[in-house]
Each structure stands twice: as structure tokens, then as C-alpha cells.
Amino acid sequence: MPWTDDFDADDFEWPLIADVDVGELMSTSTVGDGGFQSLIASLQGWVDEDEDTIELDEDDIERILRYAYCYGNGGWEDQLMAIFDSDVWDFGEWHYCDN
């Protein structure tokens, strides 16, 4: 995983229950069969629409950060930033792009 050496998953309570903009998530297109579309489809299946939350583990957060920060253009960062609150983005301090 592309986490810095000082990241220790045991320092956090899992799953992370993150606030999510359900409308933004559910309206994000999953047309196509790329990795981003697969990520969005998974997130759409996991979201608690009544609570506006989603449960994420460390692999899910890493994948979100990777699509937001590591793959350059494509608008993924803007889309993901609109979906998730700071709970997810706080993990960015321990994530690095290895591509």
C-alpha cells in the first residue's frame, strides 16, 4: 500500500464511518468499465442513504485517495472531493502516489 512509514492502521478505529453527499455519489456515472467507475459503483452499494454515511476500511480510503491524487487529469479529484467530507481527506497526509 502506498502509505508512508509513519501510518499505522491500528491507530484508527475501523471501519471509518464517513459523511458523504449521497446525492452527489448516487448521481456520479458508472457508465464504462474502468477502475473509477468500479470504485463509484462499489461506493454506491455501500452508502447508507438514510444516514448520509458510508463505512470504509483502510483499503477503500487508499483507493479513493489514489483516484483523487495519483492519476492526473480526468476530474476524479473534483468528483470525489464533492462526495466526501474531511474524514477521508485527513488520511492524505499519510498517502503517497507510487505510480
PDB file of N, CA and C in Angstrom:
ATOM      1  N   MET A   1       0.833  -1.183   0.000  1.00  0.00           N
ATOM      2  CA  MET A   1       0.000   0.000   0.000  1.00  0.00           C
ATOM      3  C   MET A   1       0.878   1.246   0.000  1.00  0.00           C
ATOM      4  N   PRO A   2       0.478   2.246  -0.715  1.00  0.00           N
ATOM      5  CA  PRO A   2       1.262   3.487  -0.720  1.00  0.00           C
ATOM      6  C   PRO A   2       0.948   4.384   0.486  1.00  0.00           C
ATOM      7  N   TRP A   3       1.279   3.897   1.655  1.00  0.00           N
ATOM      8  CA  TRP A   3       1.163   4.680   2.882  1.00  0.00           C
ATOM      9  C   TRP A   3       2.577   4.983   3.356  1.00  0.00           C
ATOM     10  N   THR A   4       2.755   6.131   3.955  1.00  0.00           N
ATOM     11  CA  THR A   4       4.063   6.467   4.491  1.00  0.00           C
ATOM     12  C   THR A   4       4.383   5.545   5.668  1.00  0.00           C
ATOM     13  N   ASP A   5       5.659   5.501   6.023  1.00  0.00           N
ATOM     14  CA  ASP A   5       6.102   4.601   7.091  1.00  0.00           C
ATOM     15  C   ASP A   5       5.464   4.917   8.442  1.00  0.00           C
ATOM     16  N   ASP A   6       5.080   6.169   8.650  1.00  0.00           N
ATOM     17  CA  ASP A   6       4.507   6.502   9.947  1.00  0.00           C
ATOM     18  C   ASP A   6       2.994   6.285  10.014  1.00  0.00           C
ATOM     19  N   PHE A   7       2.396   5.715   8.963  1.00  0.00           N
ATOM     20  CA  PHE A   7       0.979   5.366   9.011  1.00  0.00           C
ATOM     21  C   PHE A   7       0.836   3.987   9.642  1.00  0.00           C
ATOM     22  N   ASP A   8      -0.037   3.899  10.633  1.00  0.00           N
ATOM     23  CA  ASP A   8      -0.316   2.626  11.282  1.00  0.00           C
ATOM     24  C   ASP A   8      -1.830   2.489  11.384  1.00  0.00           C
ATOM     25  N   ALA A   9      -2.391   1.569  10.617  1.00  0.00           N
ATOM     26  CA  ALA A   9      -3.839   1.384  10.581  1.00  0.00           C
ATOM     27  C   ALA A   9      -4.398   1.074  11.965  1.00  0.00           C
ATOM     28  N   ASP A  10      -3.576   0.491  12.825  1.00  0.00           N
ATOM     29  CA  ASP A  10      -4.030   0.156  14.177  1.00  0.00           C
ATOM     30  C   ASP A  10      -4.272   1.392  15.037  1.00  0.00           C
ATOM     31  N   ASP A  11      -3.816   2.554  14.572  1.00  0.00           N
ATOM     32  CA  ASP A  11      -4.033   3.796  15.312  1.00  0.00           C
ATOM     33  C   ASP A  11      -5.437   4.354  15.110  1.00  0.00           C
ATOM     34  N   PHE A  12      -6.223   3.716  14.253  1.00  0.00           N
ATOM     35  CA  PHE A  12      -7.541   4.223  13.902  1.00  0.00           C
ATOM     36  C   PHE A  12      -8.609   3.178  14.180  1.00  0.00           C
ATOM     37  N   GLU A  13      -9.818   3.663  14.361  1.00  0.00           N
ATOM     38  CA  GLU A  13     -10.951   2.774  14.563  1.00  0.00           C
ATOM     39  C   GLU A  13     -11.586   2.476  13.206  1.00  0.00           C
ATOM     40  N   TRP A  14     -11.674   1.194  12.873  1.00  0.00           N
ATOM     41  CA  TRP A  14     -12.219   0.762  11.586  1.00  0.00           C
ATOM     42  C   TRP A  14     -13.501  -0.021  11.808  1.00  0.00           C
ATOM     43  N   PRO A  15     -14.442   0.099  10.930  1.00  0.00           N
ATOM     44  CA  PRO A  15     -14.406   0.936   9.732  1.00  0.00           C
ATOM     45  C   PRO A  15     -14.577   2.410  10.082  1.00  0.00           C
ATOM     46  N   LEU A  16     -14.042   3.255   9.217  1.00  0.00           N
ATOM     47  CA  LEU A  16     -14.279   4.678   9.321  1.00  0.00           C
ATOM     48  C   LEU A  16     -15.702   4.929   8.837  1.00  0.00           C
ATOM     49  N   ILE A  17     -16.474   5.613   9.628  1.00  0.00           N
ATOM     50  CA  ILE A  17     -17.823   5.988   9.200  1.00  0.00           C
ATOM     51  C   ILE A  17     -17.728   7.442   8.754  1.00  0.00           C
ATOM     52  N   ALA A  18     -17.735   7.622   7.446  1.00  0.00           N
ATOM     53  CA  ALA A  18     -17.516   8.938   6.850  1.00  0.00           C
ATOM     54  C   ALA A  18     -18.827   9.541   6.376  1.00  0.00           C
ATOM     55  N   ASP A  19     -18.945  10.853   6.547  1.00  0.00           N
ATOM     56  CA  ASP A  19     -20.076  11.567   5.975  1.00  0.00           C
ATOM     57  C   ASP A  19     -19.901  11.626   4.465  1.00  0.00           C
ATOM     58  N   VAL A  20     -21.018  11.543   3.778  1.00  0.00           N
ATOM     59  CA  VAL A  20     -20.976  11.507   2.324  1.00  0.00           C
ATOM     60  C   VAL A  20     -22.153  12.309   1.775  1.00  0.00           C
ATOM     61  N   ASP A  21     -21.925  12.983   0.656  1.00  0.00           N
ATOM     62  CA  ASP A  21     -23.006  13.655  -0.052  1.00  0.00           C
ATOM     63  C   ASP A  21     -23.679  12.600  -0.917  1.00  0.00           C
ATOM     64  N   VAL A  22     -24.760  12.041  -0.407  1.00  0.00           N
ATOM     65  CA  VAL A  22     -25.426  10.919  -1.071  1.00  0.00           C
ATOM     66  C   VAL A  22     -25.892  11.298  -2.465  1.00  0.00           C
ATOM     67  N   GLY A  23     -26.463  12.480  -2.614  1.00  0.00           N
ATOM     68  CA  GLY A  23     -26.935  12.910  -3.927  1.00  0.00           C
ATOM     69  C   GLY A  23     -25.813  12.958  -4.948  1.00  0.00           C
ATOM     70  N   GLU A  24     -24.678  13.500  -4.537  1.00  0.00           N
ATOM     71  CA  GLU A  24     -23.517  13.592  -5.424  1.00  0.00           C
ATOM     72  C   GLU A  24     -23.005  12.193  -5.782  1.00  0.00           C
ATOM     73  N   LEU A  25     -22.897  11.323  -4.778  1.00  0.00           N
ATOM     74  CA  LEU A  25     -22.417   9.963  -5.019  1.00  0.00           C
ATOM     75  C   LEU A  25     -23.351   9.211  -5.960  1.00  0.00           C
ATOM     76  N   MET A  26     -24.630   9.255  -5.661  1.00  0.00           N
ATOM     77  CA  MET A  26     -25.582   8.462  -6.440  1.00  0.00           C
ATOM     78  C   MET A  26     -25.763   9.001  -7.859  1.00  0.00           C
ATOM     79  N   SER A  27     -25.451  10.276  -8.077  1.00  0.00           N
ATOM     80  CA  SER A  27     -25.589  10.835  -9.426  1.00  0.00           C
ATOM     81  C   SER A  27     -24.310  10.724 -10.253  1.00  0.00           C
ATOM     82  N   THR A  28     -23.237  10.232  -9.645  1.00  0.00           N
ATOM     83  CA  THR A  28     -21.974  10.055 -10.377  1.00  0.00           C
ATOM     84  C   THR A  28     -22.102   8.838 -11.279  1.00  0.00           C
ATOM     85  N   SER A  29     -21.798   9.033 -12.527  1.00  0.00           N
ATOM     86  CA  SER A  29     -21.986   7.988 -13.534  1.00  0.00           C
ATOM     87  C   SER A  29     -21.030   6.815 -13.330  1.00  0.00           C
ATOM     88  N   THR A  30     -21.562   5.630 -13.560  1.00  0.00           N
ATOM     89  CA  THR A  30     -20.737   4.425 -13.546  1.00  0.00           C
ATOM     90  C   THR A  30     -20.705   3.793 -14.936  1.00  0.00           C
ATOM     91  N   VAL A  31     -21.054   4.578 -15.955  1.00  0.00           N
ATOM     92  CA  VAL A  31     -21.017   4.079 -17.328  1.00  0.00           C
ATOM     93  C   VAL A  31     -19.556   3.820 -17.698  1.00  0.00           C
ATOM     94  N   GLY A  32     -19.297   2.675 -18.233  1.00  0.00           N
ATOM     95  CA  GLY A  32     -17.942   2.267 -18.586  1.00  0.00           C
ATOM     96  C   GLY A  32     -17.473   1.185 -17.637  1.00  0.00           C
ATOM     97  N   ASP A  33     -16.305   0.662 -17.915  1.00  0.00           N
ATOM     98  CA  ASP A  33     -15.809  -0.436 -17.087  1.00  0.00           C
ATOM     99  C   ASP A  33     -14.402  -0.164 -16.566  1.00  0.00           C
ATOM    100  N   GLY A  34     -14.106   1.106 -16.321  1.00  0.00           N
ATOM    101  CA  GLY A  34     -12.806   1.471 -15.781  1.00  0.00           C
ATOM    102  C   GLY A  34     -12.764   1.355 -14.277  1.00  0.00           C
ATOM    103  N   GLY A  35     -11.597   1.567 -13.728  1.00  0.00           N
ATOM    104  CA  GLY A  35     -11.407   1.464 -12.290  1.00  0.00           C
ATOM    105  C   GLY A  35     -12.186   2.497 -11.501  1.00  0.00           C
ATOM    106  N   PHE A  36     -12.260   3.725 -12.013  1.00  0.00           N
ATOM    107  CA  PHE A  36     -13.014   4.755 -11.312  1.00  0.00           C
ATOM    108  C   PHE A  36     -14.492   4.403 -11.265  1.00  0.00           C
ATOM    109  N   GLN A  37     -15.026   3.931 -12.376  1.00  0.00           N
ATOM    110  CA  GLN A  37     -16.434   3.544 -12.423  1.00  0.00           C
ATOM    111  C   GLN A  37     -16.701   2.388 -11.450  1.00  0.00           C
ATOM    112  N   SER A  38     -15.765   1.464 -11.359  1.00  0.00           N
ATOM    113  CA  SER A  38     -15.890   0.344 -10.427  1.00  0.00           C
ATOM    114  C   SER A  38     -15.876   0.841  -8.990  1.00  0.00           C
ATOM    115  N   LEU A  39     -14.998   1.784  -8.690  1.00  0.00           N
ATOM    116  CA  LEU A  39     -14.944   2.368  -7.355  1.00  0.00           C
ATOM    117  C   LEU A  39     -16.276   3.029  -7.011  1.00  0.00           C
ATOM    118  N   ILE A  40     -16.790   3.848  -7.898  1.00  0.00           N
ATOM    119  CA  ILE A  40     -18.047   4.554  -7.643  1.00  0.00           C
ATOM    120  C   ILE A  40     -19.193   3.558  -7.463  1.00  0.00           C
ATOM    121  N   ALA A  41     -19.246   2.535  -8.299  1.00  0.00           N
ATOM    122  CA  ALA A  41     -20.311   1.530  -8.180  1.00  0.00           C
ATOM    123  C   ALA A  41     -20.240   0.835  -6.818  1.00  0.00           C
ATOM    124  N   SER A  42     -19.044   0.520  -6.358  1.00  0.00           N
ATOM    125  CA  SER A  42     -18.885  -0.094  -5.032  1.00  0.00           C
ATOM    126  C   SER A  42     -19.371   0.849  -3.946  1.00  0.00           C
ATOM    127  N   LEU A  43     -18.940   2.090  -4.009  1.00  0.00           N
ATOM    128  CA  LEU A  43     -19.338   3.072  -3.003  1.00  0.00           C
ATOM    129  C   LEU A  43     -20.854   3.267  -2.994  1.00  0.00           C
ATOM    130  N   GLN A  44     -21.451   3.286  -4.171  1.00  0.00           N
ATOM    131  CA  GLN A  44     -22.907   3.438  -4.255  1.00  0.00           C
ATOM    132  C   GLN A  44     -23.621   2.277  -3.568  1.00  0.00           C
ATOM    133  N   GLY A  45     -23.040   1.098  -3.630  1.00  0.00           N
ATOM    134  CA  GLY A  45     -23.640  -0.068  -2.987  1.00  0.00           C
ATOM    135  C   GLY A  45     -23.470  -0.085  -1.479  1.00  0.00           C
ATOM    136  N   TRP A  46     -22.462   0.614  -0.977  1.00  0.00           N
ATOM    137  CA  TRP A  46     -22.167   0.591   0.451  1.00  0.00           C
ATOM    138  C   TRP A  46     -22.789   1.742   1.226  1.00  0.00           C
ATOM    139  N   VAL A  47     -23.208   2.797   0.546  1.00  0.00           N
ATOM    140  CA  VAL A  47     -23.657   4.009   1.231  1.00  0.00           C
ATOM    141  C   VAL A  47     -24.943   3.763   2.020  1.00  0.00           C
ATOM    142  N   ASP A  48     -25.038   4.377   3.176  1.00  0.00           N
ATOM    143  CA  ASP A  48     -26.266   4.369   3.970  1.00  0.00           C
ATOM    144  C   ASP A  48     -26.993   5.666   3.629  1.00  0.00           C
ATOM    145  N   GLU A  49     -27.961   5.559   2.744  1.00  0.00           N
ATOM    146  CA  GLU A  49     -28.651   6.750   2.255  1.00  0.00           C
ATOM    147  C   GLU A  49     -29.481   7.423   3.331  1.00  0.00           C
ATOM    148  N   ASP A  50     -29.916   6.685   4.334  1.00  0.00           N
ATOM    149  CA  ASP A  50     -30.707   7.283   5.414  1.00  0.00           C
ATOM    150  C   ASP A  50     -29.846   8.114   6.360  1.00  0.00           C
ATOM    151  N   GLU A  51     -28.614   7.685   6.553  1.00  0.00           N
ATOM    152  CA  GLU A  51     -27.711   8.357   7.492  1.00  0.00           C
ATOM    153  C   GLU A  51     -26.714   9.296   6.812  1.00  0.00           C
ATOM    154  N   ASP A  52     -26.651   9.267   5.469  1.00  0.00           N
ATOM    155  CA  ASP A  52     -25.664  10.059   4.717  1.00  0.00           C
ATOM    156  C   ASP A  52     -24.235   9.709   5.141  1.00  0.00           C
ATOM    157  N   THR A  53     -24.007   8.405   5.342  1.00  0.00           N
ATOM    158  CA  THR A  53     -22.682   7.933   5.746  1.00  0.00           C
ATOM    159  C   THR A  53     -22.296   6.705   4.928  1.00  0.00           C
ATOM    160  N   ILE A  54     -21.028   6.359   5.039  1.00  0.00           N
ATOM    161  CA  ILE A  54     -20.510   5.155   4.405  1.00  0.00           C
ATOM    162  C   ILE A  54     -19.420   4.592   5.302  1.00  0.00           C
ATOM    163  N   GLU A  55     -19.345   3.272   5.377  1.00  0.00           N
ATOM    164  CA  GLU A  55     -18.296   2.616   6.145  1.00  0.00           C
ATOM    165  C   GLU A  55     -17.154   2.257   5.200  1.00  0.00           C
ATOM    166  N   LEU A  56     -15.946   2.684   5.564  1.00  0.00           N
ATOM    167  CA  LEU A  56     -14.769   2.457   4.729  1.00  0.00           C
ATOM    168  C   LEU A  56     -13.659   1.837   5.556  1.00  0.00           C
ATOM    169  N   ASP A  57     -12.898   0.937   4.919  1.00  0.00           N
ATOM    170  CA  ASP A  57     -11.712   0.419   5.586  1.00  0.00           C
ATOM    171  C   ASP A  57     -10.487   1.092   4.973  1.00  0.00           C
ATOM    172  N   GLU A  58      -9.316   0.725   5.461  1.00  0.00           N
ATOM    173  CA  GLU A  58      -8.100   1.411   5.009  1.00  0.00           C
ATOM    174  C   GLU A  58      -7.857   1.218   3.507  1.00  0.00           C
ATOM    175  N   ASP A  59      -8.210   0.072   2.948  1.00  0.00           N
ATOM    176  CA  ASP A  59      -8.041  -0.153   1.508  1.00  0.00           C
ATOM    177  C   ASP A  59      -8.975   0.734   0.697  1.00  0.00           C
ATOM    178  N   ASP A  60     -10.201   0.925   1.183  1.00  0.00           N
ATOM    179  CA  ASP A  60     -11.144   1.798   0.487  1.00  0.00           C
ATOM    180  C   ASP A  60     -10.630   3.233   0.464  1.00  0.00           C
ATOM    181  N   ILE A  61     -10.132   3.691   1.602  1.00  0.00           N
ATOM    182  CA  ILE A  61      -9.624   5.062   1.681  1.00  0.00           C
ATOM    183  C   ILE A  61      -8.414   5.228   0.775  1.00  0.00           C
ATOM    184  N   GLU A  62      -7.542   4.251   0.778  1.00  0.00           N
ATOM    185  CA  GLU A  62      -6.369   4.331  -0.107  1.00  0.00           C
ATOM    186  C   GLU A  62      -6.805   4.439  -1.553  1.00  0.00           C
ATOM    187  N   ARG A  63      -7.788   3.670  -1.946  1.00  0.00           N
ATOM    188  CA  ARG A  63      -8.269   3.684  -3.332  1.00  0.00           C
ATOM    189  C   ARG A  63      -8.882   5.041  -3.691  1.00  0.00           C
ATOM    190  N   ILE A  64      -9.652   5.608  -2.776  1.00  0.00           N
ATOM    191  CA  ILE A  64     -10.234   6.935  -3.005  1.00  0.00           C
ATOM    192  C   ILE A  64      -9.130   7.968  -3.164  1.00  0.00           C
ATOM    193  N   LEU A  65      -8.157   7.942  -2.271  1.00  0.00           N
ATOM    194  CA  LEU A  65      -7.048   8.903  -2.358  1.00  0.00           C
ATOM    195  C   LEU A  65      -6.241   8.713  -3.636  1.00  0.00           C
ATOM    196  N   ARG A  66      -6.045   7.471  -4.027  1.00  0.00           N
ATOM    197  CA  ARG A  66      -5.290   7.201  -5.257  1.00  0.00           C
ATOM    198  C   ARG A  66      -5.984   7.816  -6.469  1.00  0.00           C
ATOM    199  N   TYR A  67      -7.300   7.615  -6.572  1.00  0.00           N
ATOM    200  CA  TYR A  67      -8.027   8.188  -7.708  1.00  0.00           C
ATOM    201  C   TYR A  67      -8.073   9.704  -7.636  1.00  0.00           C
ATOM    202  N   ALA A  68      -8.112  10.245  -6.432  1.00  0.00           N
ATOM    203  CA  ALA A  68      -8.167  11.703  -6.302  1.00  0.00           C
ATOM    204  C   ALA A  68      -6.834  12.369  -6.605  1.00  0.00           C
ATOM    205  N   TYR A  69      -5.725  11.744  -6.187  1.00  0.00           N
ATOM    206  CA  TYR A  69      -4.438  12.421  -6.236  1.00  0.00           C
ATOM    207  C   TYR A  69      -3.407  11.865  -7.203  1.00  0.00           C
ATOM    208  N   CYS A  70      -3.535  10.622  -7.621  1.00  0.00           N
ATOM    209  CA  CYS A  70      -2.414   9.977  -8.300  1.00  0.00           C
ATOM    210  C   CYS A  70      -2.577   9.790  -9.808  1.00  0.00           C
ATOM    211  N   TYR A  71      -3.741   9.978 -10.330  1.00  0.00           N
ATOM    212  CA  TYR A  71      -3.943   9.653 -11.733  1.00  0.00           C
ATOM    213  C   TYR A  71      -4.077  10.865 -12.641  1.00  0.00           C
ATOM    214  N   GLY A  72      -3.692  12.022 -12.163  1.00  0.00           N
ATOM    215  CA  GLY A  72      -3.683  13.208 -13.014  1.00  0.00           C
ATOM    216  C   GLY A  72      -5.072  13.653 -13.435  1.00  0.00           C
ATOM    217  N   ASN A  73      -5.162  14.073 -14.656  1.00  0.00           N
ATOM    218  CA  ASN A  73      -6.407  14.636 -15.175  1.00  0.00           C
ATOM    219  C   ASN A  73      -7.498  13.585 -15.287  1.00  0.00           C
ATOM    220  N   GLY A  74      -8.710  14.051 -15.380  1.00  0.00           N
ATOM    221  CA  GLY A  74      -9.853  13.165 -15.502  1.00  0.00           C
ATOM    222  C   GLY A  74     -11.022  13.654 -14.668  1.00  0.00           C
ATOM    223  N   GLY A  75     -10.767  14.625 -13.795  1.00  0.00           N
ATOM    224  CA  GLY A  75     -11.830  15.186 -12.982  1.00  0.00           C
ATOM    225  C   GLY A  75     -12.195  14.351 -11.773  1.00  0.00           C
ATOM    226  N   TRP A  76     -11.452  13.268 -11.531  1.00  0.00           N
ATOM    227  CA  TRP A  76     -11.794  12.388 -10.423  1.00  0.00           C
ATOM    228  C   TRP A  76     -11.657  13.089  -9.083  1.00  0.00           C
ATOM    229  N   GLU A  77     -10.607  13.892  -8.929  1.00  0.00           N
ATOM    230  CA  GLU A  77     -10.408  14.579  -7.652  1.00  0.00           C
ATOM    231  C   GLU A  77     -11.617  15.449  -7.328  1.00  0.00           C
ATOM    232  N   ASP A  78     -12.070  16.243  -8.299  1.00  0.00           N
ATOM    233  CA  ASP A  78     -13.212  17.124  -8.056  1.00  0.00           C
ATOM    234  C   ASP A  78     -14.461  16.328  -7.700  1.00  0.00           C
ATOM    235  N   GLN A  79     -14.696  15.247  -8.407  1.00  0.00           N
ATOM    236  CA  GLN A  79     -15.874  14.433  -8.122  1.00  0.00           C
ATOM    237  C   GLN A  79     -15.797  13.827  -6.726  1.00  0.00           C
ATOM    238  N   LEU A  80     -14.650  13.273  -6.374  1.00  0.00           N
ATOM    239  CA  LEU A  80     -14.500  12.647  -5.065  1.00  0.00           C
ATOM    240  C   LEU A  80     -14.522  13.680  -3.942  1.00  0.00           C
ATOM    241  N   MET A  81     -13.931  14.860  -4.182  1.00  0.00           N
ATOM    242  CA  MET A  81     -13.955  15.919  -3.174  1.00  0.00           C
ATOM    243  C   MET A  81     -15.387  16.373  -2.896  1.00  0.00           C
ATOM    244  N   ALA A  82     -16.231  16.350  -3.914  1.00  0.00           N
ATOM    245  CA  ALA A  82     -17.629  16.740  -3.736  1.00  0.00           C
ATOM    246  C   ALA A  82     -18.418  15.674  -2.970  1.00  0.00           C
ATOM    247  N   ILE A  83     -17.977  14.442  -3.024  1.00  0.00           N
ATOM    248  CA  ILE A  83     -18.698  13.334  -2.384  1.00  0.00           C
ATOM    249  C   ILE A  83     -18.348  13.202  -0.905  1.00  0.00           C
ATOM    250  N   PHE A  84     -17.059  13.308  -0.566  1.00  0.00           N
ATOM    251  CA  PHE A  84     -16.602  13.006   0.794  1.00  0.00           C
ATOM    252  C   PHE A  84     -16.220  14.251   1.565  1.00  0.00           C
ATOM    253  N   ASP A  85     -16.421  14.181   2.891  1.00  0.00           N
ATOM    254  CA  ASP A  85     -16.004  15.269   3.761  1.00  0.00           C
ATOM    255  C   ASP A  85     -14.556  15.049   4.191  1.00  0.00           C
ATOM    256  N   SER A  86     -14.130  15.822   5.155  1.00  0.00           N
ATOM    257  CA  SER A  86     -12.719  15.798   5.552  1.00  0.00           C
ATOM    258  C   SER A  86     -12.282  14.499   6.194  1.00  0.00           C
ATOM    259  N   ASP A  87     -13.210  13.684   6.692  1.00  0.00           N
ATOM    260  CA  ASP A  87     -12.808  12.420   7.324  1.00  0.00           C
ATOM    261  C   ASP A  87     -11.898  11.602   6.416  1.00  0.00           C
ATOM    262  N   VAL A  88     -12.228  11.530   5.151  1.00  0.00           N
ATOM    263  CA  VAL A  88     -11.432  10.774   4.190  1.00  0.00           C
ATOM    264  C   VAL A  88     -10.153  11.529   3.841  1.00  0.00           C
ATOM    265  N   TRP A  89     -10.275  12.816   3.600  1.00  0.00           N
ATOM    266  CA  TRP A  89      -9.125  13.602   3.130  1.00  0.00           C
ATOM    267  C   TRP A  89      -8.062  13.768   4.202  1.00  0.00           C
ATOM    268  N   ASP A  90      -8.436  13.625   5.467  1.00  0.00           N
ATOM    269  CA  ASP A  90      -7.444  13.701   6.542  1.00  0.00           C
ATOM    270  C   ASP A  90      -6.361  12.638   6.395  1.00  0.00           C
ATOM    271  N   PHE A  91      -6.678  11.520   5.759  1.00  0.00           N
ATOM    272  CA  PHE A  91      -5.704  10.449   5.568  1.00  0.00           C
ATOM    273  C   PHE A  91      -4.672  10.782   4.485  1.00  0.00           C
ATOM    274  N   GLY A  92      -4.884  11.853   3.756  1.00  0.00           N
ATOM    275  CA  GLY A  92      -3.959  12.250   2.702  1.00  0.00           C
ATOM    276  C   GLY A  92      -2.558  12.538   3.206  1.00  0.00           C
ATOM    277  N   GLU A  93      -2.434  12.900   4.471  1.00  0.00           N
ATOM    278  CA  GLU A  93      -1.099  13.211   4.993  1.00  0.00           C
ATOM    279  C   GLU A  93      -0.207  11.977   5.055  1.00  0.00           C
ATOM    280  N   TRP A  94      -0.789  10.779   5.026  1.00  0.00           N
ATOM    281  CA  TRP A  94      -0.006   9.537   5.087  1.00  0.00           C
ATOM    282  C   TRP A  94       0.043   8.794   3.754  1.00  0.00           C
ATOM    283  N   HIS A  95      -0.577   9.315   2.750  1.00  0.00           N
ATOM    284  CA  HIS A  95      -0.673   8.621   1.467  1.00  0.00           C
ATOM    285  C   HIS A  95       0.325   9.228   0.482  1.00  0.00           C
ATOM    286  N   TYR A  96       0.900   8.388  -0.354  1.00  0.00           N
ATOM    287  CA  TYR A  96       1.749   8.906  -1.425  1.00  0.00           C
ATOM    288  C   TYR A  96       1.430   8.138  -2.710  1.00  0.00           C
ATOM    289  N   CYS A  97       1.718   8.772  -3.818  1.00  0.00           N
ATOM    290  CA  CYS A  97       1.469   8.163  -5.125  1.00  0.00           C
ATOM    291  C   CYS A  97       2.713   7.389  -5.544  1.00  0.00           C
ATOM    292  N   ASP A  98       2.513   6.121  -5.858  1.00  0.00           N
ATOM    293  CA  ASP A  98       3.639   5.278  -6.237  1.00  0.00           C
ATOM    294  C   ASP A  98       3.633   4.945  -7.718  1.00  0.00           C
ATOM    295  N   ASN A  99       2.875   5.703  -8.499  1.00  0.00           N
ATOM    296  CA  ASN A  99       2.824   5.427  -9.940  1.00  0.00           C
ATOM    297  C   ASN A  99       3.764   6.318 -10.701  1.00  0.00           C
TER     298      ASN A  99
END
